[in-house]
Structures are given as C-alpha cells and as structure tokens.
Amino acid sequence: MTYIFQTSFDLRSDDADQLRIGKSMGTSLAWLKAFLPGEPGFVNARAIVSMTQNEHSHVIFETSWDDWEALETHLNQSAYAEQKMLKKFELDIEPIDLTTTIYEEVG
C-alpha cells in the first residue's frame, strides 16, 4: 500500500515568481526533491502549482512512500523535512492556509 504525505498552501500572485529555481522557494523545493531519495521507503516527490490566474496560486508538494512504517520513520526522524523546507523561505514568502494531509492509496 502506498502512502502520500502532502503539504499545500496558497501564495499571493505577487509571490508566485518565487517558485522559479534560483528563487528561495523554488530552490527549497528542489532541495527537498534531492534530499528525500536517500530515505528508506521513499518512492517519489513532486511539486505542482495551479495554472489559474487568480489573486492566489495554489502550491502542492507531495511525497509517496512504500508503506506506513517508511512514512512514519520519515515523519519522526527527519522532523518533517517539508516543514524545514518551508521555514527556509518563510521570511520571503508568507504561505496562506498551510495544510498537511496524509493519504492512503486505495484500489
């Protein structure tokens, strides 16, 4: 069974350019994608942003894990690498409605 750990938030449209590589948030997301493959049970990571042109852009970062134990180890031992990543750019960008959710794949 696969488990997905998802962190999502909104950004003001004025801050959306921070998603590019070389900007604080883009660099942090790239760092996470490079850091996580070394963890046992890690399957995949992706960062996506909404394409709609509203006053906010919706950002999702999610990781997939082989089993519950692998995800649990990630959450306990890495002290939520995703939250460390967010602290890295919080001074430059203010995430709106920050949410974390864990999903279990079905079927």
Protein backbone atom coordinates (compact mmCIF):
# COMPACT_ATOMS: atom_id res chain seq x y z
CA MET A 1 0.00 0.00 0.00
CA THR A 2 1.33 3.45 -0.88
CA TYR A 3 1.04 6.46 1.43
CA ILE A 4 1.18 10.10 0.33
CA PHE A 5 2.24 13.00 2.52
CA GLN A 6 1.00 16.28 1.09
CA THR A 7 1.77 19.84 2.09
CA SER A 8 -0.28 22.54 0.36
CA PHE A 9 -0.70 26.27 0.65
CA ASP A 10 -1.62 29.37 -1.31
CA LEU A 11 0.68 32.19 -2.36
CA ARG A 12 -0.27 35.68 -3.34
CA SER A 13 0.16 36.12 -7.08
CA ASP A 14 2.86 38.70 -6.37
CA ASP A 15 4.93 35.93 -4.72
CA ALA A 16 4.44 33.32 -7.46
CA ASP A 17 7.76 34.15 -9.13
CA GLN A 18 9.43 32.71 -6.00
CA LEU A 19 8.59 29.25 -7.38
CA ARG A 20 11.28 29.51 -10.06
CA ILE A 21 14.57 27.70 -9.49
CA GLY A 22 17.05 30.17 -8.10
CA LYS A 23 14.43 31.91 -6.01
CA SER A 24 14.05 30.97 -2.34
CA MET A 25 11.03 28.68 -2.65
CA GLY A 26 12.00 27.08 -5.94
CA THR A 27 15.42 26.28 -4.51
CA SER A 28 13.87 24.81 -1.36
CA LEU A 29 11.54 22.55 -3.34
CA ALA A 30 14.45 21.38 -5.49
CA TRP A 31 16.47 20.71 -2.32
CA LEU A 32 13.68 18.50 -0.96
CA LYS A 33 13.46 16.52 -4.19
CA ALA A 34 17.20 15.90 -3.97
CA PHE A 35 17.25 15.15 -0.22
CA LEU A 36 14.36 12.69 0.09
CA PRO A 37 15.51 9.87 -2.26
CA GLY A 38 18.04 8.82 0.38
CA GLU A 39 15.29 7.92 2.84
CA PRO A 40 14.15 4.27 3.15
CA GLY A 41 10.77 3.60 1.55
CA PHE A 42 10.74 6.84 -0.45
CA VAL A 43 9.04 6.45 -3.84
CA ASN A 44 8.52 9.85 -5.43
CA ALA A 45 8.22 13.60 -4.81
CA ARG A 46 6.61 16.31 -6.85
CA ALA A 47 5.86 20.00 -6.55
CA ILE A 48 2.98 21.47 -8.52
CA VAL A 49 1.39 24.90 -8.77
CA SER A 50 -2.03 25.92 -10.08
CA MET A 51 -2.18 27.44 -13.55
CA THR A 52 -5.18 29.68 -12.90
CA GLN A 53 -4.62 33.41 -12.80
CA ASN A 54 -6.36 34.35 -9.56
CA GLU A 55 -5.14 36.51 -6.72
CA HIS A 56 -3.58 33.33 -5.24
CA SER A 57 -1.56 30.45 -6.64
CA HIS A 58 -2.11 27.05 -5.03
CA VAL A 59 1.07 25.07 -4.36
CA ILE A 60 1.23 21.35 -3.53
CA PHE A 61 4.29 19.39 -2.51
CA GLU A 62 3.74 15.67 -2.06
CA THR A 63 5.85 12.64 -1.34
CA SER A 64 4.95 8.98 -1.82
CA TRP A 65 6.12 6.17 0.47
CA ASP A 66 6.16 2.37 0.06
CA ASP A 67 4.49 1.64 3.38
CA TRP A 68 3.23 3.20 6.58
CA GLU A 69 6.42 2.40 8.51
CA ALA A 70 8.56 4.27 5.97
CA LEU A 71 6.35 7.36 6.17
CA GLU A 72 6.22 7.16 9.96
CA THR A 73 10.02 6.95 10.10
CA HIS A 74 10.26 9.97 7.78
CA LEU A 75 7.89 11.98 9.96
CA ASN A 76 9.62 11.02 13.21
CA GLN A 77 13.29 11.09 12.25
CA SER A 78 13.50 13.92 9.77
CA ALA A 79 11.31 16.20 11.88
CA TYR A 80 9.17 16.83 8.81
CA ALA A 81 11.69 17.76 6.14
CA GLU A 82 8.83 19.53 4.36
CA GLN A 83 8.31 21.89 7.30
CA LYS A 84 12.05 22.57 7.48
CA MET A 85 11.86 23.49 3.81
CA LEU A 86 9.03 25.92 4.49
CA LYS A 87 10.99 27.65 7.26
CA LYS A 88 13.76 28.18 4.74
CA PHE A 89 11.65 30.66 2.75
CA GLU A 90 9.04 31.90 5.23
CA LEU A 91 10.83 35.21 5.61
CA ASP A 92 10.50 35.90 1.88
CA ILE A 93 7.03 34.43 1.34
CA GLU A 94 4.02 34.07 3.57
CA PRO A 95 2.19 30.79 2.85
CA ILE A 96 -1.59 31.15 3.18
CA ASP A 97 -3.74 28.29 4.51
CA LEU A 98 -0.84 25.90 5.06
CA THR A 99 -2.19 22.35 5.30
CA THR A 100 -0.64 18.92 5.63
CA THR A 101 -2.58 15.75 4.84
CA ILE A 102 -1.68 12.06 4.75
CA TYR A 103 -3.44 9.85 2.21
CA GLU A 104 -3.60 6.09 1.79
CA GLU A 105 -3.86 4.81 -1.76
CA VAL A 106 -6.89 2.61 -2.32
CA GLY A 107 -7.71 0.10 -5.00
